[in-house]
Amino acid sequence: MEESIFQKFSSIDTKEIAPGFFSKLIHTSTNTINFIEVKAGCSIPRHRHIHEQCSFSVEGKFEMTVNDIPQILDPGLFAIIPSNAWHSGIAITDCKLIDIFSPVREDYRAL
């Protein structure tokens, strides 16, 4: 198996990037892909960053607030968060989320 192309998801260490947010991170030359498991009630405070962020709920409900507008992300609704937009979130239920960041999250790469 070509290691640089095909990799096992199970070989990625899980890291707690915020209290209650457990991530498996994949970094490419242009993106960071974050596979996150979140327990109900855990939240991320209002923040912003230079990265464009696409957020998806694969399982569960996650309330995402972007520029003071709340929406419930579920498997049928996703968010495209512009660079430097203020955003926060709270898990309504246990969730499995995917966030894609561009450019690469160097702060996450350093974890």
PDB file of N, CA and C in Angstrom:
ATOM      1  N   MET A   1       0.850  -1.174   0.000  1.00  0.00           N
ATOM      2  CA  MET A   1       0.000   0.000   0.000  1.00  0.00           C
ATOM      3  C   MET A   1       0.897   1.239   0.000  1.00  0.00           C
ATOM      4  N   GLU A   2       0.621   2.171  -0.868  1.00  0.00           N
ATOM      5  CA  GLU A   2       1.366   3.439  -0.943  1.00  0.00           C
ATOM      6  C   GLU A   2       1.028   4.272   0.289  1.00  0.00           C
ATOM      7  N   GLU A   3       1.988   4.420   1.207  1.00  0.00           N
ATOM      8  CA  GLU A   3       1.738   5.106   2.485  1.00  0.00           C
ATOM      9  C   GLU A   3       1.316   6.559   2.315  1.00  0.00           C
ATOM     10  N   SER A   4       1.878   7.278   1.359  1.00  0.00           N
ATOM     11  CA  SER A   4       1.553   8.694   1.238  1.00  0.00           C
ATOM     12  C   SER A   4       0.166   8.929   0.639  1.00  0.00           C
ATOM     13  N   ILE A   5      -0.393   7.947  -0.026  1.00  0.00           N
ATOM     14  CA  ILE A   5      -1.716   8.091  -0.627  1.00  0.00           C
ATOM     15  C   ILE A   5      -2.780   7.413   0.229  1.00  0.00           C
ATOM     16  N   PHE A   6      -2.567   6.174   0.589  1.00  0.00           N
ATOM     17  CA  PHE A   6      -3.547   5.400   1.345  1.00  0.00           C
ATOM     18  C   PHE A   6      -3.071   5.246   2.775  1.00  0.00           C
ATOM     19  N   GLN A   7      -3.933   5.623   3.700  1.00  0.00           N
ATOM     20  CA  GLN A   7      -3.580   5.523   5.113  1.00  0.00           C
ATOM     21  C   GLN A   7      -4.763   4.977   5.884  1.00  0.00           C
ATOM     22  N   LYS A   8      -4.489   4.411   7.034  1.00  0.00           N
ATOM     23  CA  LYS A   8      -5.557   3.859   7.874  1.00  0.00           C
ATOM     24  C   LYS A   8      -6.048   4.926   8.848  1.00  0.00           C
ATOM     25  N   PHE A   9      -7.339   5.126   8.851  1.00  0.00           N
ATOM     26  CA  PHE A   9      -7.951   6.096   9.754  1.00  0.00           C
ATOM     27  C   PHE A   9      -7.644   5.730  11.206  1.00  0.00           C
ATOM     28  N   SER A  10      -7.579   4.447  11.495  1.00  0.00           N
ATOM     29  CA  SER A  10      -7.318   3.979  12.856  1.00  0.00           C
ATOM     30  C   SER A  10      -5.922   4.353  13.347  1.00  0.00           C
ATOM     31  N   SER A  11      -5.023   4.715  12.435  1.00  0.00           N
ATOM     32  CA  SER A  11      -3.664   5.078  12.853  1.00  0.00           C
ATOM     33  C   SER A  11      -3.540   6.548  13.271  1.00  0.00           C
ATOM     34  N   ILE A  12      -4.607   7.327  13.136  1.00  0.00           N
ATOM     35  CA  ILE A  12      -4.584   8.744  13.518  1.00  0.00           C
ATOM     36  C   ILE A  12      -4.904   8.853  15.004  1.00  0.00           C
ATOM     37  N   ASP A  13      -4.026   9.488  15.759  1.00  0.00           N
ATOM     38  CA  ASP A  13      -4.266   9.698  17.182  1.00  0.00           C
ATOM     39  C   ASP A  13      -5.450  10.635  17.385  1.00  0.00           C
ATOM     40  N   THR A  14      -6.245  10.365  18.406  1.00  0.00           N
ATOM     41  CA  THR A  14      -7.338  11.249  18.794  1.00  0.00           C
ATOM     42  C   THR A  14      -6.790  12.296  19.746  1.00  0.00           C
ATOM     43  N   LYS A  15      -7.132  13.558  19.501  1.00  0.00           N
ATOM     44  CA  LYS A  15      -6.656  14.667  20.327  1.00  0.00           C
ATOM     45  C   LYS A  15      -7.847  15.485  20.794  1.00  0.00           C
ATOM     46  N   GLU A  16      -7.809  15.918  22.048  1.00  0.00           N
ATOM     47  CA  GLU A  16      -8.869  16.774  22.578  1.00  0.00           C
ATOM     48  C   GLU A  16      -8.487  18.215  22.262  1.00  0.00           C
ATOM     49  N   ILE A  17      -9.146  18.813  21.260  1.00  0.00           N
ATOM     50  CA  ILE A  17      -8.780  20.164  20.807  1.00  0.00           C
ATOM     51  C   ILE A  17      -9.460  21.259  21.620  1.00  0.00           C
ATOM     52  N   ALA A  18     -10.526  20.912  22.317  1.00  0.00           N
ATOM     53  CA  ALA A  18     -11.236  21.797  23.241  1.00  0.00           C
ATOM     54  C   ALA A  18     -11.954  20.847  24.200  1.00  0.00           C
ATOM     55  N   PRO A  19     -12.333  21.309  25.392  1.00  0.00           N
ATOM     56  CA  PRO A  19     -12.998  20.392  26.326  1.00  0.00           C
ATOM     57  C   PRO A  19     -14.208  19.697  25.707  1.00  0.00           C
ATOM     58  N   GLY A  20     -14.133  18.362  25.641  1.00  0.00           N
ATOM     59  CA  GLY A  20     -15.229  17.566  25.093  1.00  0.00           C
ATOM     60  C   GLY A  20     -15.235  17.396  23.590  1.00  0.00           C
ATOM     61  N   PHE A  21     -14.247  17.965  22.884  1.00  0.00           N
ATOM     62  CA  PHE A  21     -14.142  17.863  21.424  1.00  0.00           C
ATOM     63  C   PHE A  21     -12.949  16.971  21.088  1.00  0.00           C
ATOM     64  N   PHE A  22     -13.226  15.741  20.653  1.00  0.00           N
ATOM     65  CA  PHE A  22     -12.188  14.756  20.393  1.00  0.00           C
ATOM     66  C   PHE A  22     -12.009  14.572  18.885  1.00  0.00           C
ATOM     67  N   SER A  23     -10.814  14.895  18.399  1.00  0.00           N
ATOM     68  CA  SER A  23     -10.564  15.025  16.965  1.00  0.00           C
ATOM     69  C   SER A  23      -9.536  14.044  16.436  1.00  0.00           C
ATOM     70  N   LYS A  24      -9.777  13.645  15.198  1.00  0.00           N
ATOM     71  CA  LYS A  24      -8.766  13.000  14.368  1.00  0.00           C
ATOM     72  C   LYS A  24      -8.510  13.993  13.243  1.00  0.00           C
ATOM     73  N   LEU A  25      -7.251  14.414  13.103  1.00  0.00           N
ATOM     74  CA  LEU A  25      -6.892  15.488  12.171  1.00  0.00           C
ATOM     75  C   LEU A  25      -6.079  14.947  11.006  1.00  0.00           C
ATOM     76  N   ILE A  26      -6.464  15.380   9.812  1.00  0.00           N
ATOM     77  CA  ILE A  26      -5.709  15.067   8.594  1.00  0.00           C
ATOM     78  C   ILE A  26      -5.294  16.396   7.976  1.00  0.00           C
ATOM     79  N   HIS A  27      -4.019  16.515   7.668  1.00  0.00           N
ATOM     80  CA  HIS A  27      -3.495  17.740   7.065  1.00  0.00           C
ATOM     81  C   HIS A  27      -2.980  17.429   5.661  1.00  0.00           C
ATOM     82  N   THR A  28      -3.426  18.214   4.692  1.00  0.00           N
ATOM     83  CA  THR A  28      -2.881  18.142   3.337  1.00  0.00           C
ATOM     84  C   THR A  28      -2.043  19.393   3.128  1.00  0.00           C
ATOM     85  N   SER A  29      -1.586  19.625   1.929  1.00  0.00           N
ATOM     86  CA  SER A  29      -0.793  20.833   1.677  1.00  0.00           C
ATOM     87  C   SER A  29      -1.665  22.091   1.721  1.00  0.00           C
ATOM     88  N   THR A  30      -2.979  21.966   1.562  1.00  0.00           N
ATOM     89  CA  THR A  30      -3.849  23.141   1.512  1.00  0.00           C
ATOM     90  C   THR A  30      -5.013  23.135   2.500  1.00  0.00           C
ATOM     91  N   ASN A  31      -5.274  22.009   3.160  1.00  0.00           N
ATOM     92  CA  ASN A  31      -6.445  21.881   4.039  1.00  0.00           C
ATOM     93  C   ASN A  31      -6.118  21.135   5.324  1.00  0.00           C
ATOM     94  N   THR A  32      -6.939  21.368   6.311  1.00  0.00           N
ATOM     95  CA  THR A  32      -7.001  20.507   7.491  1.00  0.00           C
ATOM     96  C   THR A  32      -8.414  19.955   7.550  1.00  0.00           C
ATOM     97  N   ILE A  33      -8.515  18.647   7.715  1.00  0.00           N
ATOM     98  CA  ILE A  33      -9.806  17.981   7.838  1.00  0.00           C
ATOM     99  C   ILE A  33      -9.880  17.439   9.258  1.00  0.00           C
ATOM    100  N   ASN A  34     -10.949  17.820   9.952  1.00  0.00           N
ATOM    101  CA  ASN A  34     -11.100  17.513  11.360  1.00  0.00           C
ATOM    102  C   ASN A  34     -12.340  16.647  11.549  1.00  0.00           C
ATOM    103  N   PHE A  35     -12.143  15.398  11.963  1.00  0.00           N
ATOM    104  CA  PHE A  35     -13.230  14.479  12.280  1.00  0.00           C
ATOM    105  C   PHE A  35     -13.410  14.538  13.795  1.00  0.00           C
ATOM    106  N   ILE A  36     -14.561  15.027  14.259  1.00  0.00           N
ATOM    107  CA  ILE A  36     -14.746  15.351  15.671  1.00  0.00           C
ATOM    108  C   ILE A  36     -15.911  14.563  16.265  1.00  0.00           C
ATOM    109  N   GLU A  37     -15.706  14.062  17.465  1.00  0.00           N
ATOM    110  CA  GLU A  37     -16.796  13.505  18.262  1.00  0.00           C
ATOM    111  C   GLU A  37     -16.997  14.431  19.449  1.00  0.00           C
ATOM    112  N   VAL A  38     -18.259  14.831  19.685  1.00  0.00           N
ATOM    113  CA  VAL A  38     -18.592  15.783  20.742  1.00  0.00           C
ATOM    114  C   VAL A  38     -19.748  15.219  21.558  1.00  0.00           C
ATOM    115  N   LYS A  39     -19.621  15.285  22.869  1.00  0.00           N
ATOM    116  CA  LYS A  39     -20.701  14.861  23.758  1.00  0.00           C
ATOM    117  C   LYS A  39     -21.723  15.985  23.901  1.00  0.00           C
ATOM    118  N   ALA A  40     -22.982  15.632  24.059  1.00  0.00           N
ATOM    119  CA  ALA A  40     -24.055  16.610  24.240  1.00  0.00           C
ATOM    120  C   ALA A  40     -23.700  17.575  25.365  1.00  0.00           C
ATOM    121  N   GLY A  41     -23.959  18.859  25.117  1.00  0.00           N
ATOM    122  CA  GLY A  41     -23.708  19.892  26.109  1.00  0.00           C
ATOM    123  C   GLY A  41     -22.351  20.550  26.024  1.00  0.00           C
ATOM    124  N   CYS A  42     -21.411  19.948  25.314  1.00  0.00           N
ATOM    125  CA  CYS A  42     -20.079  20.561  25.172  1.00  0.00           C
ATOM    126  C   CYS A  42     -20.154  21.700  24.165  1.00  0.00           C
ATOM    127  N   SER A  43     -19.383  22.747  24.438  1.00  0.00           N
ATOM    128  CA  SER A  43     -19.472  23.929  23.572  1.00  0.00           C
ATOM    129  C   SER A  43     -18.092  24.479  23.254  1.00  0.00           C
ATOM    130  N   ILE A  44     -18.056  25.259  22.199  1.00  0.00           N
ATOM    131  CA  ILE A  44     -16.851  25.982  21.791  1.00  0.00           C
ATOM    132  C   ILE A  44     -17.216  27.468  21.843  1.00  0.00           C
ATOM    133  N   PRO A  45     -16.398  28.294  22.536  1.00  0.00           N
ATOM    134  CA  PRO A  45     -16.765  29.706  22.676  1.00  0.00           C
ATOM    135  C   PRO A  45     -16.646  30.476  21.365  1.00  0.00           C
ATOM    136  N   ARG A  46     -17.250  31.640  21.360  1.00  0.00           N
ATOM    137  CA  ARG A  46     -17.213  32.533  20.193  1.00  0.00           C
ATOM    138  C   ARG A  46     -15.754  32.860  19.869  1.00  0.00           C
ATOM    139  N   HIS A  47     -15.403  32.686  18.608  1.00  0.00           N
ATOM    140  CA  HIS A  47     -14.032  32.916  18.160  1.00  0.00           C
ATOM    141  C   HIS A  47     -14.032  33.173  16.656  1.00  0.00           C
ATOM    142  N   ARG A  48     -12.887  33.519  16.138  1.00  0.00           N
ATOM    143  CA  ARG A  48     -12.729  33.646  14.685  1.00  0.00           C
ATOM    144  C   ARG A  48     -11.282  33.329  14.341  1.00  0.00           C
ATOM    145  N   HIS A  49     -11.060  33.025  13.067  1.00  0.00           N
ATOM    146  CA  HIS A  49      -9.724  32.699  12.574  1.00  0.00           C
ATOM    147  C   HIS A  49      -9.672  33.015  11.084  1.00  0.00           C
ATOM    148  N   ILE A  50      -8.475  33.023  10.548  1.00  0.00           N
ATOM    149  CA  ILE A  50      -8.296  33.381   9.134  1.00  0.00           C
ATOM    150  C   ILE A  50      -8.805  32.308   8.177  1.00  0.00           C
ATOM    151  N   HIS A  51      -9.022  31.118   8.692  1.00  0.00           N
ATOM    152  CA  HIS A  51      -9.372  29.974   7.841  1.00  0.00           C
ATOM    153  C   HIS A  51     -10.840  30.011   7.416  1.00  0.00           C
ATOM    154  N   GLU A  52     -11.091  29.700   6.158  1.00  0.00           N
ATOM    155  CA  GLU A  52     -12.451  29.389   5.744  1.00  0.00           C
ATOM    156  C   GLU A  52     -12.753  28.009   6.317  1.00  0.00           C
ATOM    157  N   GLN A  53     -13.979  27.817   6.793  1.00  0.00           N
ATOM    158  CA  GLN A  53     -14.340  26.567   7.452  1.00  0.00           C
ATOM    159  C   GLN A  53     -15.652  26.058   6.892  1.00  0.00           C
ATOM    160  N   CYS A  54     -15.672  24.798   6.524  1.00  0.00           N
ATOM    161  CA  CYS A  54     -16.909  24.113   6.148  1.00  0.00           C
ATOM    162  C   CYS A  54     -17.202  23.114   7.257  1.00  0.00           C
ATOM    163  N   SER A  55     -18.415  23.164   7.817  1.00  0.00           N
ATOM    164  CA  SER A  55     -18.781  22.309   8.942  1.00  0.00           C
ATOM    165  C   SER A  55     -19.975  21.436   8.579  1.00  0.00           C
ATOM    166  N   PHE A  56     -19.853  20.155   8.900  1.00  0.00           N
ATOM    167  CA  PHE A  56     -20.870  19.160   8.576  1.00  0.00           C
ATOM    168  C   PHE A  56     -21.175  18.328   9.809  1.00  0.00           C
ATOM    169  N   SER A  57     -22.430  17.999  10.033  1.00  0.00           N
ATOM    170  CA  SER A  57     -22.812  17.017  11.038  1.00  0.00           C
ATOM    171  C   SER A  57     -23.077  15.707  10.311  1.00  0.00           C
ATOM    172  N   VAL A  58     -22.341  14.696  10.679  1.00  0.00           N
ATOM    173  CA  VAL A  58     -22.547  13.366  10.112  1.00  0.00           C
ATOM    174  C   VAL A  58     -23.589  12.620  10.940  1.00  0.00           C
ATOM    175  N   GLU A  59     -23.605  12.969  12.232  1.00  0.00           N
ATOM    176  CA  GLU A  59     -24.519  12.321  13.165  1.00  0.00           C
ATOM    177  C   GLU A  59     -24.821  13.298  14.295  1.00  0.00           C
ATOM    178  N   GLY A  60     -26.070  13.451  14.665  1.00  0.00           N
ATOM    179  CA  GLY A  60     -26.447  14.298  15.783  1.00  0.00           C
ATOM    180  C   GLY A  60     -26.778  15.724  15.379  1.00  0.00           C
ATOM    181  N   LYS A  61     -27.014  16.560  16.411  1.00  0.00           N
ATOM    182  CA  LYS A  61     -27.392  17.952  16.187  1.00  0.00           C
ATOM    183  C   LYS A  61     -26.426  18.865  16.927  1.00  0.00           C
ATOM    184  N   PHE A  62     -25.938  19.870  16.216  1.00  0.00           N
ATOM    185  CA  PHE A  62     -24.962  20.820  16.747  1.00  0.00           C
ATOM    186  C   PHE A  62     -25.433  22.219  16.402  1.00  0.00           C
ATOM    187  N   GLU A  63     -25.650  23.043  17.421  1.00  0.00           N
ATOM    188  CA  GLU A  63     -26.070  24.421  17.155  1.00  0.00           C
ATOM    189  C   GLU A  63     -24.837  25.266  16.859  1.00  0.00           C
ATOM    190  N   MET A  64     -24.762  25.771  15.649  1.00  0.00           N
ATOM    191  CA  MET A  64     -23.659  26.623  15.189  1.00  0.00           C
ATOM    192  C   MET A  64     -24.201  28.037  15.058  1.00  0.00           C
ATOM    193  N   THR A  65     -23.499  28.978  15.682  1.00  0.00           N
ATOM    194  CA  THR A  65     -23.871  30.387  15.565  1.00  0.00           C
ATOM    195  C   THR A  65     -22.768  31.089  14.787  1.00  0.00           C
ATOM    196  N   VAL A  66     -23.137  31.700  13.664  1.00  0.00           N
ATOM    197  CA  VAL A  66     -22.171  32.414  12.816  1.00  0.00           C
ATOM    198  C   VAL A  66     -22.683  33.844  12.652  1.00  0.00           C
ATOM    199  N   ASN A  67     -21.815  34.798  12.977  1.00  0.00           N
ATOM    200  CA  ASN A  67     -22.204  36.218  12.920  1.00  0.00           C
ATOM    201  C   ASN A  67     -23.534  36.457  13.637  1.00  0.00           C
ATOM    202  N   ASP A  68     -23.655  35.852  14.829  1.00  0.00           N
ATOM    203  CA  ASP A  68     -24.816  35.998  15.718  1.00  0.00           C
ATOM    204  C   ASP A  68     -26.098  35.375  15.178  1.00  0.00           C
ATOM    205  N   ILE A  69     -26.002  34.511  14.180  1.00  0.00           N
ATOM    206  CA  ILE A  69     -27.171  33.806  13.626  1.00  0.00           C
ATOM    207  C   ILE A  69     -27.038  32.319  13.958  1.00  0.00           C
ATOM    208  N   PRO A  70     -27.904  31.794  14.851  1.00  0.00           N
ATOM    209  CA  PRO A  70     -27.824  30.373  15.199  1.00  0.00           C
ATOM    210  C   PRO A  70     -28.585  29.492  14.208  1.00  0.00           C
ATOM    211  N   GLN A  71     -28.034  28.326  13.962  1.00  0.00           N
ATOM    212  CA  GLN A  71     -28.681  27.296  13.145  1.00  0.00           C
ATOM    213  C   GLN A  71     -28.320  25.942  13.729  1.00  0.00           C
ATOM    214  N   ILE A  72     -29.201  24.977  13.576  1.00  0.00           N
ATOM    215  CA  ILE A  72     -28.917  23.612  14.010  1.00  0.00           C
ATOM    216  C   ILE A  72     -28.353  22.835  12.830  1.00  0.00           C
ATOM    217  N   LEU A  73     -27.093  22.444  12.944  1.00  0.00           N
ATOM    218  CA  LEU A  73     -26.504  21.561  11.935  1.00  0.00           C
ATOM    219  C   LEU A  73     -26.946  20.144  12.254  1.00  0.00           C
ATOM    220  N   ASP A  74     -27.436  19.453  11.254  1.00  0.00           N
ATOM    221  CA  ASP A  74     -27.748  18.035  11.336  1.00  0.00           C
ATOM    222  C   ASP A  74     -27.281  17.444  10.012  1.00  0.00           C
ATOM    223  N   PRO A  75     -27.444  16.164   9.796  1.00  0.00           N
ATOM    224  CA  PRO A  75     -26.938  15.604   8.540  1.00  0.00           C
ATOM    225  C   PRO A  75     -27.509  16.232   7.269  1.00  0.00           C
ATOM    226  N   GLY A  76     -28.564  17.037   7.365  1.00  0.00           N
ATOM    227  CA  GLY A  76     -29.138  17.674   6.188  1.00  0.00           C
ATOM    228  C   GLY A  76     -28.739  19.125   5.982  1.00  0.00           C
ATOM    229  N   LEU A  77     -27.966  19.715   6.913  1.00  0.00           N
ATOM    230  CA  LEU A  77     -27.612  21.125   6.808  1.00  0.00           C
ATOM    231  C   LEU A  77     -26.139  21.301   7.168  1.00  0.00           C
ATOM    232  N   PHE A  78     -25.403  22.038   6.347  1.00  0.00           N
ATOM    233  CA  PHE A  78     -23.998  22.313   6.640  1.00  0.00           C
ATOM    234  C   PHE A  78     -23.753  23.804   6.588  1.00  0.00           C
ATOM    235  N   ALA A  79     -22.582  24.226   7.058  1.00  0.00           N
ATOM    236  CA  ALA A  79     -22.232  25.648   7.108  1.00  0.00           C
ATOM    237  C   ALA A  79     -20.927  25.897   6.370  1.00  0.00           C
ATOM    238  N   ILE A  80     -20.873  27.010   5.644  1.00  0.00           N
ATOM    239  CA  ILE A  80     -19.629  27.507   5.050  1.00  0.00           C
ATOM    240  C   ILE A  80     -19.336  28.822   5.751  1.00  0.00           C
ATOM    241  N   ILE A  81     -18.313  28.810   6.583  1.00  0.00           N
ATOM    242  CA  ILE A  81     -17.992  29.958   7.434  1.00  0.00           C
ATOM    243  C   ILE A  81     -16.853  30.731   6.793  1.00  0.00           C
ATOM    244  N   PRO A  82     -17.084  31.988   6.445  1.00  0.00           N
ATOM    245  CA  PRO A  82     -16.019  32.779   5.809  1.00  0.00           C
ATOM    246  C   PRO A  82     -14.861  33.055   6.763  1.00  0.00           C
ATOM    247  N   SER A  83     -13.742  33.382   6.190  1.00  0.00           N
ATOM    248  CA  SER A  83     -12.572  33.798   6.950  1.00  0.00           C
ATOM    249  C   SER A  83     -12.949  34.947   7.884  1.00  0.00           C
ATOM    250  N   ASN A  84     -12.481  34.875   9.115  1.00  0.00           N
ATOM    251  CA  ASN A  84     -12.654  35.909  10.148  1.00  0.00           C
ATOM    252  C   ASN A  84     -14.088  36.135  10.617  1.00  0.00           C
ATOM    253  N   ALA A  85     -15.020  35.265  10.269  1.00  0.00           N
ATOM    254  CA  ALA A  85     -16.392  35.383  10.783  1.00  0.00           C
ATOM    255  C   ALA A  85     -16.436  34.865  12.217  1.00  0.00           C
ATOM    256  N   TRP A  86     -17.116  35.597  13.090  1.00  0.00           N
ATOM    257  CA  TRP A  86     -17.288  35.153  14.468  1.00  0.00           C
ATOM    258  C   TRP A  86     -18.222  33.951  14.488  1.00  0.00           C
ATOM    259  N   HIS A  87     -17.858  32.907  15.247  1.00  0.00           N
ATOM    260  CA  HIS A  87     -18.702  31.724  15.337  1.00  0.00           C
ATOM    261  C   HIS A  87     -18.467  30.980  16.654  1.00  0.00           C
ATOM    262  N   SER A  88     -19.470  30.201  17.030  1.00  0.00           N
ATOM    263  CA  SER A  88     -19.425  29.394  18.246  1.00  0.00           C
ATOM    264  C   SER A  88     -20.358  28.208  18.044  1.00  0.00           C
ATOM    265  N   GLY A  89     -20.374  27.292  19.009  1.00  0.00           N
ATOM    266  CA  GLY A  89     -21.284  26.173  18.863  1.00  0.00           C
ATOM    267  C   GLY A  89     -21.455  25.379  20.135  1.00  0.00           C
ATOM    268  N   ILE A  90     -22.553  24.620  20.171  1.00  0.00           N
ATOM    269  CA  ILE A  90     -22.839  23.725  21.290  1.00  0.00           C
ATOM    270  C   ILE A  90     -23.498  22.457  20.753  1.00  0.00           C
ATOM    271  N   ALA A  91     -23.072  21.324  21.287  1.00  0.00           N
ATOM    272  CA  ALA A  91     -23.660  20.045  20.892  1.00  0.00           C
ATOM    273  C   ALA A  91     -25.005  19.876  21.573  1.00  0.00           C
ATOM    274  N   ILE A  92     -26.064  19.781  20.799  1.00  0.00           N
ATOM    275  CA  ILE A  92     -27.409  19.553  21.319  1.00  0.00           C
ATOM    276  C   ILE A  92     -27.554  18.080  21.711  1.00  0.00           C
ATOM    277  N   THR A  93     -26.989  17.204  20.893  1.00  0.00           N
ATOM    278  CA  THR A  93     -26.939  15.764  21.160  1.00  0.00           C
ATOM    279  C   THR A  93     -25.476  15.338  21.016  1.00  0.00           C
ATOM    280  N   ASP A  94     -25.176  14.098  21.325  1.00  0.00           N
ATOM    281  CA  ASP A  94     -23.867  13.570  20.960  1.00  0.00           C
ATOM    282  C   ASP A  94     -23.741  13.731  19.449  1.00  0.00           C
ATOM    283  N   CYS A  95     -22.568  14.153  18.987  1.00  0.00           N
ATOM    284  CA  CYS A  95     -22.391  14.474  17.564  1.00  0.00           C
ATOM    285  C   CYS A  95     -21.130  13.849  16.997  1.00  0.00           C
ATOM    286  N   LYS A  96     -21.172  13.627  15.704  1.00  0.00           N
ATOM    287  CA  LYS A  96     -19.984  13.366  14.898  1.00  0.00           C
ATOM    288  C   LYS A  96     -19.978  14.435  13.822  1.00  0.00           C
ATOM    289  N   LEU A  97     -18.933  15.246  13.823  1.00  0.00           N
ATOM    290  CA  LEU A  97     -18.826  16.384  12.915  1.00  0.00           C
ATOM    291  C   LEU A  97     -17.593  16.244  12.034  1.00  0.00           C
ATOM    292  N   ILE A  98     -17.616  16.929  10.910  1.00  0.00           N
ATOM    293  CA  ILE A  98     -16.432  17.086  10.059  1.00  0.00           C
ATOM    294  C   ILE A  98     -16.288  18.568   9.770  1.00  0.00           C
ATOM    295  N   ASP A  99     -15.110  19.095  10.056  1.00  0.00           N
ATOM    296  CA  ASP A  99     -14.759  20.465   9.683  1.00  0.00           C
ATOM    297  C   ASP A  99     -13.619  20.408   8.682  1.00  0.00           C
ATOM    298  N   ILE A 100     -13.719  21.226   7.640  1.00  0.00           N
ATOM    299  CA  ILE A 100     -12.642  21.347   6.657  1.00  0.00           C
ATOM    300  C   ILE A 100     -12.183  22.790   6.685  1.00  0.00           C
ATOM    301  N   PHE A 101     -10.889  22.992   6.894  1.00  0.00           N
ATOM    302  CA  PHE A 101     -10.302  24.325   6.989  1.00  0.00           C
ATOM    303  C   PHE A 101      -9.353  24.571   5.827  1.00  0.00           C
ATOM    304  N   SER A 102      -9.377  25.793   5.310  1.00  0.00           N
ATOM    305  CA  SER A 102      -8.421  26.218   4.295  1.00  0.00           C
ATOM    306  C   SER A 102      -8.014  27.649   4.621  1.00  0.00           C
ATOM    307  N   PRO A 103      -6.715  27.940   4.694  1.00  0.00           N
ATOM    308  CA  PRO A 103      -5.571  27.045   4.554  1.00  0.00           C
ATOM    309  C   PRO A 103      -5.431  26.112   5.770  1.00  0.00           C
ATOM    310  N   VAL A 104      -4.361  25.340   5.762  1.00  0.00           N
ATOM    311  CA  VAL A 104      -4.068  24.385   6.825  1.00  0.00           C
ATOM    312  C   VAL A 104      -4.082  25.075   8.185  1.00  0.00           C
ATOM    313  N   ARG A 105      -4.611  24.404   9.183  1.00  0.00           N
ATOM    314  CA  ARG A 105      -4.573  24.894  10.564  1.00  0.00           C
ATOM    315  C   ARG A 105      -3.233  24.493  11.171  1.00  0.00           C
ATOM    316  N   GLU A 106      -2.286  25.384  11.107  1.00  0.00           N
ATOM    317  CA  GLU A 106      -0.952  25.095  11.659  1.00  0.00           C
ATOM    318  C   GLU A 106      -1.021  24.888  13.167  1.00  0.00           C
ATOM    319  N   ASP A 107      -1.956  25.578  13.854  1.00  0.00           N
ATOM    320  CA  ASP A 107      -2.106  25.368  15.299  1.00  0.00           C
ATOM    321  C   ASP A 107      -2.555  23.943  15.591  1.00  0.00           C
ATOM    322  N   TYR A 108      -3.409  23.364  14.758  1.00  0.00           N
ATOM    323  CA  TYR A 108      -3.821  21.974  14.936  1.00  0.00           C
ATOM    324  C   TYR A 108      -2.702  21.014  14.541  1.00  0.00           C
ATOM    325  N   ARG A 109      -1.944  21.349  13.530  1.00  0.00           N
ATOM    326  CA  ARG A 109      -0.836  20.498  13.117  1.00  0.00           C
ATOM    327  C   ARG A 109       0.185  20.368  14.255  1.00  0.00           C
ATOM    328  N   ALA A 110       0.316  21.408  15.057  1.00  0.00           N
ATOM    329  CA  ALA A 110       1.287  21.431  16.139  1.00  0.00           C
ATOM    330  C   ALA A 110       0.825  20.631  17.375  1.00  0.00           C
ATOM    331  N   LEU A 111      -0.441  20.196  17.411  1.00  0.00           N
ATOM    332  CA  LEU A 111      -0.926  19.448  18.573  1.00  0.00           C
ATOM    333  C   LEU A 111      -0.279  18.087  18.691  1.00  0.00           C
TER     334      LEU A 111
END
